[in-house]
Amino acid sequence: MASLKALKLRIGSVKSTQKITKAMKTVAAAKLRRAQDAALAGRPYAERLEAVMASLASKVVISASSPKLLTGTGKDERHLLVVVTSERGLAGGFNTNIVRAARRRADELIAAGKSVRFYIVGRKARSAINRYYPKLTLHDHDMSHAKTARFEDAHAIAEDLIARYEDDRFDVAHLFFSRFQSALVQEPTEKQLIPVPLAKDAAQAGGAAAVDYEPDEEAILADLLPKNVAIQIYGALLENQAGFYGSQMTAMDNATRNAGDMINRLSIAYNRQRQAAITTELVEIISGAEAL
């Protein structure tokens, strides 16, 4: 059984930890509000741009002159999994769930005989991917300098991915991130990033309205497709940031409550042991007095 001094020190240590987790919860809650507003504000633009890309792509006759980001390489053998996580932890299973979704997809592709490589964005995916898939990381993009999601970072990642695609380094790129639902719910999400997914029918592509484009659809696509890749990555960064703070707020709230429960248990143990020590001393005093 621990001594009274050890129990007292442990209670003090847990109280200090509780103060830290409570402060982190407050900070995460304040940052969540701004991150959530940014993620929700960015969704309509990203979703509409995707719809425009699909609509334009459905009107283009694929030819040798069509943009490679639209036509693809003509193969489906080499897959690049772009895994976007946070730079920091203490957010429950937020990063683990994203990596788990990427691992599930990677295992399916490998089982189908496909070649799989990883493009890591965010420090928390690095160790997990390298542990399960050693030597399969194509690139590890450093985001340690970024305190918030910035379009400049998304644009740099998009340019790097497009350059590697033009150099015939992969056939298909899949983007993995966590879509923000609420502070309690973040949904691991996968979407095809490169080449742009084609609409299955005209209704899905935006209807059959007669529209004339100037310049033609192919020229517009050549200009918009790289921007669409950057916008989708930026949307993933915004969604991840909101999801991270929501998950961290929830995790720190749970940690604060657990610390409170532990303090109560340790305080009960301390009081019982202290009472036992006092009782023992009283018995010794009374016994000594009776002996005299």
Protein backbone atom coordinates (compact mmCIF):
# COMPACT_ATOMS: atom_id res chain seq x y z
CA MET A 1 0.00 0.00 0.00
CA ALA A 2 1.31 3.46 -0.92
CA SER A 3 2.36 5.76 1.89
CA LEU A 4 0.48 8.93 2.78
CA LYS A 5 3.24 11.02 1.24
CA ALA A 6 3.13 9.04 -2.01
CA LEU A 7 -0.66 9.38 -2.20
CA LYS A 8 -0.46 13.10 -1.56
CA LEU A 9 2.14 13.54 -4.29
CA ARG A 10 0.06 11.50 -6.73
CA ILE A 11 -3.06 13.55 -5.99
CA GLY A 12 -1.09 16.72 -6.65
CA SER A 13 0.26 15.29 -9.91
CA VAL A 14 -3.21 14.32 -11.14
CA LYS A 15 -4.57 17.76 -10.22
CA SER A 16 -1.80 19.39 -12.27
CA THR A 17 -2.67 17.13 -15.22
CA GLN A 18 -6.35 18.01 -14.83
CA LYS A 19 -5.53 21.72 -15.06
CA ILE A 20 -3.62 21.10 -18.30
CA THR A 21 -6.38 19.01 -19.90
CA LYS A 22 -9.01 21.56 -18.87
CA ALA A 23 -6.97 24.38 -20.42
CA MET A 24 -6.43 22.35 -23.61
CA LYS A 25 -10.17 21.69 -23.84
CA THR A 26 -10.89 25.42 -23.57
CA VAL A 27 -8.32 26.29 -26.24
CA ALA A 28 -9.58 23.54 -28.58
CA ALA A 29 -13.17 24.75 -28.14
CA ALA A 30 -12.18 28.31 -29.07
CA LYS A 31 -10.21 27.16 -32.13
CA LEU A 32 -12.95 24.73 -33.16
CA ARG A 33 -15.42 27.56 -33.67
CA ARG A 34 -13.19 29.29 -36.22
CA ALA A 35 -12.09 26.06 -37.90
CA GLN A 36 -15.69 24.85 -38.19
CA ASP A 37 -16.78 28.12 -39.81
CA ALA A 38 -13.90 27.88 -42.32
CA ALA A 39 -14.67 24.24 -43.19
CA LEU A 40 -18.39 24.86 -43.65
CA ALA A 41 -17.73 27.98 -45.72
CA GLY A 42 -15.34 26.11 -48.02
CA ARG A 43 -17.62 23.14 -48.73
CA PRO A 44 -20.04 24.77 -51.23
CA TYR A 45 -17.19 26.06 -53.42
CA ALA A 46 -15.34 22.73 -53.48
CA GLU A 47 -18.52 20.73 -54.11
CA ARG A 48 -19.70 23.09 -56.86
CA LEU A 49 -16.31 23.02 -58.55
CA GLU A 50 -16.40 19.22 -58.55
CA ALA A 51 -19.85 19.35 -60.15
CA VAL A 52 -18.63 21.80 -62.80
CA MET A 53 -15.65 19.55 -63.58
CA ALA A 54 -17.93 16.54 -63.96
CA SER A 55 -20.37 18.51 -66.13
CA LEU A 56 -17.64 19.78 -68.43
CA ALA A 57 -15.96 16.36 -68.61
CA SER A 58 -19.24 14.76 -69.70
CA LYS A 59 -19.37 17.10 -72.73
CA VAL A 60 -15.80 16.49 -73.89
CA VAL A 61 -14.94 13.90 -76.49
CA ILE A 62 -11.86 12.17 -75.11
CA SER A 63 -8.95 12.39 -77.54
CA ALA A 64 -5.16 12.44 -77.56
CA SER A 65 -5.24 16.20 -77.00
CA SER A 66 -7.46 15.99 -73.91
CA PRO A 67 -5.87 16.97 -70.54
CA LYS A 68 -4.11 14.07 -68.86
CA LEU A 69 -5.76 14.96 -65.55
CA LEU A 70 -9.05 14.10 -67.26
CA THR A 71 -8.16 11.14 -69.45
CA GLY A 72 -5.81 9.39 -67.05
CA THR A 73 -2.82 7.31 -68.07
CA GLY A 74 -4.92 4.54 -69.58
CA LYS A 75 -3.84 2.20 -66.79
CA ASP A 76 -5.03 1.32 -63.30
CA GLU A 77 -1.96 -0.36 -61.86
CA ARG A 78 -0.09 2.23 -59.76
CA HIS A 79 -2.09 3.86 -56.97
CA LEU A 80 -0.95 6.76 -54.81
CA LEU A 81 -2.70 7.18 -51.45
CA VAL A 82 -2.53 10.78 -50.23
CA VAL A 83 -3.04 10.51 -46.45
CA VAL A 84 -3.78 13.84 -44.71
CA THR A 85 -3.51 13.89 -40.90
CA SER A 86 -2.66 16.47 -38.26
CA GLU A 87 0.77 17.46 -37.00
CA ARG A 88 -0.19 16.98 -33.36
CA GLY A 89 -1.84 14.32 -31.26
CA LEU A 90 -3.90 14.24 -28.05
CA ALA A 91 -7.04 14.06 -30.18
CA GLY A 92 -8.41 10.61 -29.43
CA GLY A 93 -8.69 8.35 -32.47
CA PHE A 94 -8.81 11.18 -35.03
CA ASN A 95 -5.55 10.42 -36.84
CA THR A 96 -5.78 6.67 -36.26
CA ASN A 97 -9.14 6.48 -38.04
CA ILE A 98 -7.77 8.24 -41.14
CA VAL A 99 -4.74 5.94 -41.29
CA ARG A 100 -6.97 2.91 -40.76
CA ALA A 101 -9.12 3.89 -43.75
CA ALA A 102 -5.99 4.30 -45.90
CA ARG A 103 -4.61 0.96 -44.72
CA ARG A 104 -7.88 -0.78 -45.55
CA ARG A 105 -7.80 0.64 -49.08
CA ALA A 106 -4.10 -0.19 -49.49
CA ASP A 107 -4.66 -3.81 -48.44
CA GLU A 108 -7.52 -4.15 -50.94
CA LEU A 109 -5.37 -2.79 -53.77
CA ILE A 110 -2.37 -4.94 -52.87
CA ALA A 111 -4.60 -8.01 -52.70
CA ALA A 112 -5.83 -7.15 -56.21
CA GLY A 113 -2.23 -7.09 -57.47
CA LYS A 114 -1.94 -3.31 -57.71
CA SER A 115 1.12 -1.23 -56.85
CA VAL A 116 0.60 1.09 -53.87
CA ARG A 117 2.62 4.09 -52.69
CA PHE A 118 1.89 6.68 -50.00
CA TYR A 119 2.06 10.47 -50.07
CA ILE A 120 1.96 11.63 -46.45
CA VAL A 121 0.71 15.06 -45.36
CA GLY A 122 0.93 15.53 -41.59
CA ARG A 123 3.33 14.07 -39.05
CA LYS A 124 0.89 11.69 -37.35
CA ALA A 125 0.55 9.43 -40.39
CA ARG A 126 4.31 9.01 -40.80
CA SER A 127 5.10 6.47 -38.11
CA ALA A 128 1.98 4.35 -38.71
CA ILE A 129 2.45 4.13 -42.49
CA ASN A 130 6.17 3.44 -42.19
CA ARG A 131 5.50 0.73 -39.59
CA TYR A 132 2.93 -1.16 -41.66
CA TYR A 133 4.29 -0.36 -45.13
CA PRO A 134 8.06 0.17 -44.90
CA LYS A 135 9.67 1.66 -48.00
CA LEU A 136 6.30 2.43 -49.66
CA THR A 137 6.29 6.16 -48.87
CA LEU A 138 6.76 8.15 -52.05
CA HIS A 139 6.91 11.52 -50.32
CA ASP A 140 6.45 13.00 -46.83
CA HIS A 141 5.21 16.59 -47.06
CA ASP A 142 6.32 18.67 -44.07
CA MET A 143 3.47 20.73 -42.56
CA SER A 144 5.11 21.56 -39.23
CA HIS A 145 5.34 25.24 -40.19
CA ALA A 146 1.57 25.62 -40.68
CA LYS A 147 -0.48 26.51 -37.61
CA THR A 148 -3.67 26.78 -39.67
CA ALA A 149 -4.87 25.38 -42.99
CA ARG A 150 -3.61 27.62 -45.81
CA PHE A 151 -4.35 27.53 -49.51
CA GLU A 152 -0.65 28.10 -50.23
CA ASP A 153 0.15 24.70 -48.72
CA ALA A 154 -2.66 23.00 -50.65
CA HIS A 155 -1.46 24.62 -53.88
CA ALA A 156 2.12 23.44 -53.27
CA ILE A 157 0.94 19.88 -52.60
CA ALA A 158 -1.25 19.95 -55.73
CA GLU A 159 1.61 21.18 -57.91
CA ASP A 160 3.89 18.44 -56.57
CA LEU A 161 1.27 15.74 -57.17
CA ILE A 162 0.49 16.95 -60.69
CA ALA A 163 4.20 17.10 -61.54
CA ARG A 164 4.68 13.51 -60.37
CA TYR A 165 1.58 12.48 -62.33
CA GLU A 166 2.88 14.15 -65.49
CA ASP A 167 6.18 12.29 -64.95
CA ASP A 168 4.18 9.04 -65.02
CA ARG A 169 4.91 8.16 -61.38
CA PHE A 170 1.38 6.86 -60.69
CA ASP A 171 -1.95 6.19 -62.42
CA VAL A 172 -4.55 7.06 -59.78
CA ALA A 173 -4.38 9.22 -56.66
CA HIS A 174 -6.78 8.76 -53.73
CA LEU A 175 -7.21 11.42 -51.04
CA PHE A 176 -7.84 10.40 -47.41
CA PHE A 177 -8.96 12.87 -44.75
CA SER A 178 -11.61 13.25 -42.05
CA ARG A 179 -14.85 15.02 -42.93
CA PHE A 180 -16.13 17.14 -40.06
CA GLN A 181 -19.65 16.32 -38.88
CA SER A 182 -19.67 17.61 -35.31
CA ALA A 183 -17.37 17.89 -32.31
CA LEU A 184 -18.23 14.26 -31.55
CA VAL A 185 -18.26 12.83 -35.07
CA GLN A 186 -15.52 13.00 -37.73
CA GLU A 187 -15.96 10.71 -40.71
CA PRO A 188 -12.84 9.23 -42.40
CA THR A 189 -13.33 9.93 -46.10
CA GLU A 190 -11.76 8.74 -49.34
CA LYS A 191 -12.14 10.43 -52.72
CA GLN A 192 -10.42 10.00 -56.07
CA LEU A 193 -8.25 13.03 -56.66
CA ILE A 194 -6.45 12.26 -59.93
CA PRO A 195 -7.71 11.81 -62.60
CA VAL A 196 -10.98 13.67 -62.10
CA PRO A 197 -13.87 11.19 -61.70
CA LEU A 198 -16.28 11.30 -64.65
CA ALA A 199 -20.02 11.60 -64.07
CA LYS A 200 -21.93 8.39 -64.69
CA ASP A 201 -24.80 10.12 -66.46
CA ALA A 202 -25.95 13.49 -67.66
CA ALA A 203 -28.20 14.09 -64.68
CA GLN A 204 -25.33 13.56 -62.30
CA ALA A 205 -23.16 15.82 -64.44
CA GLY A 206 -25.50 18.72 -63.98
CA GLY A 207 -28.43 18.16 -66.36
CA ALA A 208 -28.84 18.34 -70.08
CA ALA A 209 -29.14 22.11 -70.46
CA ALA A 210 -27.69 23.43 -73.72
CA VAL A 211 -24.70 25.63 -72.86
CA ASP A 212 -22.13 27.11 -75.22
CA TYR A 213 -18.64 27.60 -73.79
CA GLU A 214 -16.04 30.11 -74.93
CA PRO A 215 -13.34 28.91 -75.16
CA ASP A 216 -14.37 25.28 -75.61
CA GLU A 217 -14.84 22.79 -72.78
CA GLU A 218 -11.44 21.19 -73.29
CA ALA A 219 -9.59 24.49 -72.93
CA ILE A 220 -11.58 25.38 -69.82
CA LEU A 221 -10.85 21.98 -68.30
CA ALA A 222 -7.12 22.31 -69.00
CA ASP A 223 -7.15 25.48 -66.90
CA LEU A 224 -9.54 24.39 -64.15
CA LEU A 225 -8.40 20.82 -63.52
CA PRO A 226 -5.16 21.77 -61.67
CA LYS A 227 -7.10 24.34 -59.65
CA ASN A 228 -9.67 21.71 -58.76
CA VAL A 229 -6.94 19.43 -57.36
CA ALA A 230 -5.68 22.28 -55.15
CA ILE A 231 -9.19 23.17 -54.00
CA GLN A 232 -10.01 19.57 -53.05
CA ILE A 233 -6.78 19.31 -51.04
CA TYR A 234 -7.48 22.66 -49.36
CA GLY A 235 -10.97 21.44 -48.47
CA ALA A 236 -9.43 18.32 -46.93
CA LEU A 237 -7.06 20.48 -44.85
CA LEU A 238 -9.97 22.62 -43.62
CA GLU A 239 -12.10 19.58 -42.79
CA ASN A 240 -9.18 17.97 -40.96
CA GLN A 241 -8.48 21.08 -38.92
CA ALA A 242 -12.08 21.33 -37.72
CA GLY A 243 -12.20 17.60 -37.04
CA PHE A 244 -8.91 17.70 -35.11
CA TYR A 245 -10.06 20.44 -32.74
CA GLY A 246 -13.44 18.77 -32.26
CA SER A 247 -11.79 15.45 -31.45
CA GLN A 248 -9.22 17.11 -29.20
CA MET A 249 -11.92 19.01 -27.30
CA THR A 250 -13.82 15.77 -26.71
CA ALA A 251 -10.67 13.88 -25.71
CA MET A 252 -9.58 16.58 -23.27
CA ASP A 253 -13.07 16.74 -21.77
CA ASN A 254 -12.95 12.98 -21.16
CA ALA A 255 -9.43 13.26 -19.76
CA THR A 256 -10.51 16.04 -17.38
CA ARG A 257 -13.44 13.99 -16.09
CA ASN A 258 -11.27 10.88 -15.72
CA ALA A 259 -8.72 12.91 -13.77
CA GLY A 260 -11.50 14.11 -11.48
CA ASP A 261 -12.61 10.51 -10.87
CA MET A 262 -9.03 9.48 -10.12
CA ILE A 263 -8.60 12.37 -7.68
CA ASN A 264 -11.74 11.27 -5.83
CA ARG A 265 -10.51 7.67 -5.58
CA LEU A 266 -7.05 8.72 -4.42
CA SER A 267 -8.54 11.16 -1.89
CA ILE A 268 -10.70 8.37 -0.43
CA ALA A 269 -7.65 6.09 -0.19
CA TYR A 270 -5.62 8.90 1.39
CA ASN A 271 -8.31 9.69 3.99
CA ARG A 272 -8.79 6.02 4.86
CA GLN A 273 -5.07 5.46 5.33
CA ARG A 274 -4.74 8.69 7.32
CA GLN A 275 -7.65 7.67 9.52
CA ALA A 276 -6.08 4.24 10.04
CA ALA A 277 -2.80 5.87 11.03
CA ILE A 278 -4.56 8.17 13.49
CA THR A 279 -6.48 5.24 14.99
CA THR A 280 -3.25 3.27 15.39
CA GLU A 281 -1.58 6.19 17.18
CA LEU A 282 -4.56 6.58 19.53
CA VAL A 283 -4.51 2.88 20.34
CA GLU A 284 -0.78 3.07 21.12
CA ILE A 285 -1.27 6.12 23.35
CA ILE A 286 -4.17 4.52 25.26
CA SER A 287 -2.26 1.26 25.63
CA GLY A 288 0.76 3.13 27.00
CA ALA A 289 -1.36 5.07 29.47
CA GLU A 290 -3.02 1.87 30.75
CA ALA A 291 0.39 0.26 31.20
CA LEU A 292 1.42 3.06 33.55
